[in-house]
Amino acid sequence: MSTGNSSVLVISDSHGNVPALTAVLVWARQEYPEQNTAFAAAVFLGDGADDLAPASAEAGFAVPWYKVRGNGDLNFLIPDTLVVEIPRKLFLTHGNRYGVDGGGQTIAAAAGTAGAEAALFGHTHTPHCSMVNGIFLLNPGSIGRSRSNAGPTFAILECPVSGPLTARFFCLVNKGRKIEVKELEL
C-alpha cells in the first residue's frame, strides 16, 4: 500500500457460504501478506454476518471488521447503518432500506446527510460503482449468491487522504477443488 492510502476490503451477502468468504480472506492474506497494515479495515455489508467469525478464524484474517445488518441477518445487536472514517467518511448499510434496487438517489441522500462522501451497500447481489449527486456509491456484489454474470464478487476500496476514491472488483472462479480470485473490469 502506498503512503497516504487506506485500502478497505469490502464484502457483502455471503448468505452462509463460509467457504467462499474464507477463500476471499485467504487470498487477501496471500495477496497482501502485510494485511494488518495494508488494509485499514474490512467491511461486511450484511446478509451473512454470522459467517465472519468462522471464516476469519479459518483464514487467520486479523483485520478489524465493520459490519452492518442485512435483511437476512437475525442479530439485532448489529447496527443497520454505520458511519466510519477510514480515513474518509463512509456510510455503511445493507441497502434494503434505501431503495437501492431502484437506483442510488435515496442512499446518496442518506450518505450526504450523514456527512459521508461514499455509501457502501449490498443487497442487490450485483457489483456497482458510480457517483450520484457527488456521493461515491459502491456495491461489492455478493460473495455467496451472485446475481451477476461475473459470479461471486467483492471489492477493494482505495481511500487516499486526498483525491478521488476508487474501487477494484474481484470475482471467485472455481478451479476444480480450488477457488481462485480474478480481478474484474467493470
Protein backbone atom coordinates (compact mmCIF):
# COMPACT_ATOMS: atom_id res chain seq x y z
CA MET A 1 0.00 0.00 0.00
CA SER A 2 1.37 3.41 -0.86
CA THR A 3 1.85 6.03 1.83
CA GLY A 4 -1.27 8.08 2.49
CA ASN A 5 -3.72 5.48 1.16
CA SER A 6 -6.02 3.18 3.05
CA SER A 7 -7.32 0.04 1.41
CA VAL A 8 -10.65 -1.35 2.60
CA LEU A 9 -11.75 -4.91 1.83
CA VAL A 10 -15.50 -4.71 1.02
CA ILE A 11 -17.68 -7.84 1.11
CA SER A 12 -21.43 -8.44 1.22
CA ASP A 13 -24.11 -11.11 1.04
CA SER A 14 -22.28 -14.32 1.89
CA HIS A 15 -25.59 -15.97 2.90
CA GLY A 16 -23.91 -18.86 4.73
CA ASN A 17 -21.26 -19.53 2.09
CA VAL A 18 -18.39 -19.68 4.57
CA PRO A 19 -16.05 -21.45 2.08
CA ALA A 20 -16.37 -18.56 -0.41
CA LEU A 21 -15.81 -15.97 2.30
CA THR A 22 -12.85 -17.95 3.64
CA ALA A 23 -11.36 -18.12 0.11
CA VAL A 24 -11.50 -14.32 -0.14
CA LEU A 25 -9.83 -13.88 3.24
CA VAL A 26 -7.11 -16.45 2.43
CA TRP A 27 -6.49 -14.62 -0.87
CA ALA A 28 -6.31 -11.29 0.98
CA ARG A 29 -3.70 -12.72 3.37
CA GLN A 30 -1.64 -14.12 0.48
CA GLU A 31 -2.02 -11.12 -1.83
CA TYR A 32 -1.42 -8.67 1.00
CA PRO A 33 0.83 -10.53 3.47
CA GLU A 34 1.26 -7.32 5.46
CA GLN A 35 -2.56 -7.26 5.83
CA ASN A 36 -2.57 -5.61 9.24
CA THR A 37 -1.05 -2.50 7.63
CA ALA A 38 -2.25 -2.97 4.03
CA PHE A 39 -5.95 -2.98 4.92
CA ALA A 40 -7.16 -0.19 7.14
CA ALA A 41 -10.30 -2.25 7.69
CA ALA A 42 -12.62 -4.87 6.30
CA VAL A 43 -16.29 -4.06 5.75
CA PHE A 44 -19.18 -6.52 5.66
CA LEU A 45 -22.43 -5.08 4.33
CA GLY A 46 -24.92 -7.62 5.63
CA ASP A 47 -26.66 -10.93 4.98
CA GLY A 48 -24.20 -13.38 6.45
CA ALA A 49 -22.72 -11.56 9.44
CA ASP A 50 -22.50 -14.86 11.34
CA ASP A 51 -20.12 -16.13 8.63
CA LEU A 52 -17.39 -13.64 9.59
CA ALA A 53 -16.07 -15.31 12.74
CA PRO A 54 -15.59 -18.83 11.34
CA ALA A 55 -14.19 -17.59 8.02
CA SER A 56 -11.79 -15.13 9.71
CA ALA A 57 -10.60 -17.81 12.14
CA GLU A 58 -10.06 -20.39 9.41
CA ALA A 59 -8.21 -17.90 7.18
CA GLY A 60 -6.22 -16.31 10.01
CA PHE A 61 -7.57 -12.94 8.92
CA ALA A 62 -6.87 -10.39 11.66
CA VAL A 63 -8.07 -7.10 10.18
CA PRO A 64 -10.85 -5.36 12.19
CA TRP A 65 -14.35 -5.72 10.73
CA TYR A 66 -17.00 -3.03 10.43
CA LYS A 67 -20.31 -4.74 9.82
CA VAL A 68 -23.94 -3.82 9.31
CA ARG A 69 -27.02 -6.00 9.49
CA GLY A 70 -28.76 -7.12 6.33
CA ASN A 71 -32.41 -8.01 5.94
CA GLY A 72 -31.43 -11.68 6.29
CA ASP A 73 -29.37 -11.24 9.48
CA LEU A 74 -31.14 -12.06 12.74
CA ASN A 75 -28.66 -10.45 15.16
CA PHE A 76 -30.37 -7.17 16.06
CA LEU A 77 -27.30 -6.03 18.01
CA ILE A 78 -25.59 -5.36 14.68
CA PRO A 79 -26.48 -1.82 13.50
CA ASP A 80 -28.42 -1.16 10.30
CA THR A 81 -26.04 1.67 9.39
CA LEU A 82 -22.60 2.87 10.43
CA VAL A 83 -20.60 5.97 9.58
CA VAL A 84 -16.84 5.35 9.79
CA GLU A 85 -13.72 7.28 8.83
CA ILE A 86 -11.10 5.17 7.02
CA PRO A 87 -9.62 7.91 6.65
CA ARG A 88 -12.53 9.36 4.64
CA LYS A 89 -16.08 9.31 5.97
CA LEU A 90 -18.02 6.28 4.67
CA PHE A 91 -21.72 5.46 5.12
CA LEU A 92 -22.22 1.68 5.50
CA THR A 93 -25.57 -0.05 5.15
CA HIS A 94 -27.08 -3.15 3.58
CA GLY A 95 -29.19 -1.04 1.25
CA ASN A 96 -32.61 -2.65 1.53
CA ARG A 97 -33.98 0.37 3.47
CA TYR A 98 -32.72 2.80 0.83
CA GLY A 99 -34.33 1.50 -2.36
CA VAL A 100 -31.04 0.51 -3.96
CA ASP A 101 -32.84 -1.83 -6.36
CA GLY A 102 -34.38 1.27 -7.96
CA GLY A 103 -31.28 3.48 -8.14
CA GLY A 104 -28.92 5.41 -5.92
CA GLN A 105 -30.73 8.67 -5.17
CA THR A 106 -32.04 7.72 -1.72
CA ILE A 107 -28.85 6.13 -0.44
CA ALA A 108 -26.76 9.02 -1.82
CA ALA A 109 -29.01 11.48 0.03
CA ALA A 110 -28.67 9.47 3.27
CA ALA A 111 -24.89 9.39 2.94
CA GLY A 112 -24.80 13.12 2.24
CA THR A 113 -26.98 13.84 5.27
CA ALA A 114 -24.57 11.76 7.39
CA GLY A 115 -21.67 13.89 6.11
CA ALA A 116 -20.13 10.94 4.23
CA GLU A 117 -18.61 11.14 0.80
CA ALA A 118 -19.31 7.50 -0.03
CA ALA A 119 -22.07 4.96 0.53
CA LEU A 120 -21.13 1.28 0.65
CA PHE A 121 -24.01 -1.16 0.38
CA GLY A 122 -25.04 -4.67 -0.66
CA HIS A 123 -28.50 -6.21 -1.09
CA THR A 124 -28.71 -6.27 -4.91
CA HIS A 125 -26.09 -9.06 -5.25
CA THR A 126 -24.55 -7.26 -8.25
CA PRO A 127 -21.35 -5.20 -8.27
CA HIS A 128 -21.82 -1.49 -8.84
CA CYS A 129 -19.77 1.70 -8.68
CA SER A 130 -20.98 5.20 -9.59
CA MET A 131 -21.23 8.81 -8.49
CA VAL A 132 -24.68 10.17 -7.58
CA ASN A 133 -25.02 13.80 -6.51
CA GLY A 134 -21.34 13.89 -5.56
CA ILE A 135 -21.54 10.71 -3.46
CA PHE A 136 -19.39 7.70 -4.41
CA LEU A 137 -21.59 4.57 -4.42
CA LEU A 138 -20.04 1.12 -4.09
CA ASN A 139 -21.72 -2.27 -4.01
CA PRO A 140 -19.23 -5.17 -4.00
CA GLY A 141 -21.86 -7.64 -5.22
CA SER A 142 -22.44 -10.95 -3.46
CA ILE A 143 -19.79 -13.41 -2.38
CA GLY A 144 -22.40 -16.10 -1.68
CA ARG A 145 -25.37 -15.75 -4.04
CA SER A 146 -24.37 -13.65 -7.01
CA ARG A 147 -26.91 -12.27 -9.47
CA SER A 148 -24.09 -11.12 -11.72
CA ASN A 149 -22.63 -12.77 -14.80
CA ALA A 150 -19.26 -12.27 -13.10
CA GLY A 151 -20.17 -14.77 -10.37
CA PRO A 152 -19.30 -14.22 -6.71
CA THR A 153 -17.69 -10.78 -6.29
CA PHE A 154 -16.09 -8.46 -3.74
CA ALA A 155 -14.20 -5.17 -3.90
CA ILE A 156 -11.25 -3.25 -2.55
CA LEU A 157 -11.91 0.43 -1.94
CA GLU A 158 -8.91 2.75 -2.09
CA CYS A 159 -9.33 5.72 0.26
CA PRO A 160 -6.46 8.14 -0.29
CA VAL A 161 -6.16 11.04 2.14
CA SER A 162 -6.96 13.32 -0.81
CA GLY A 163 -8.10 12.75 -4.37
CA PRO A 164 -10.85 10.50 -5.68
CA LEU A 165 -11.99 7.27 -4.11
CA THR A 166 -11.52 4.27 -6.40
CA ALA A 167 -12.64 0.65 -6.33
CA ARG A 168 -11.30 -2.57 -7.80
CA PHE A 169 -13.60 -5.56 -8.22
CA PHE A 170 -12.68 -9.23 -7.97
CA CYS A 171 -14.53 -12.48 -8.62
CA LEU A 172 -14.16 -16.04 -7.40
CA VAL A 173 -13.53 -18.73 -10.00
CA ASN A 174 -13.86 -22.44 -9.23
CA LYS A 175 -10.86 -24.42 -10.48
CA GLY A 176 -11.76 -27.98 -9.54
CA ARG A 177 -11.46 -28.14 -5.76
CA LYS A 178 -9.68 -24.81 -5.57
CA ILE A 179 -11.21 -21.33 -5.62
CA GLU A 180 -9.15 -18.65 -7.36
CA VAL A 181 -9.55 -14.88 -7.36
CA LYS A 182 -9.51 -12.87 -10.57
CA GLU A 183 -9.66 -9.09 -10.99
CA LEU A 184 -12.65 -7.79 -12.97
CA GLU A 185 -13.06 -4.90 -15.36
CA LEU A 186 -16.44 -3.24 -14.79
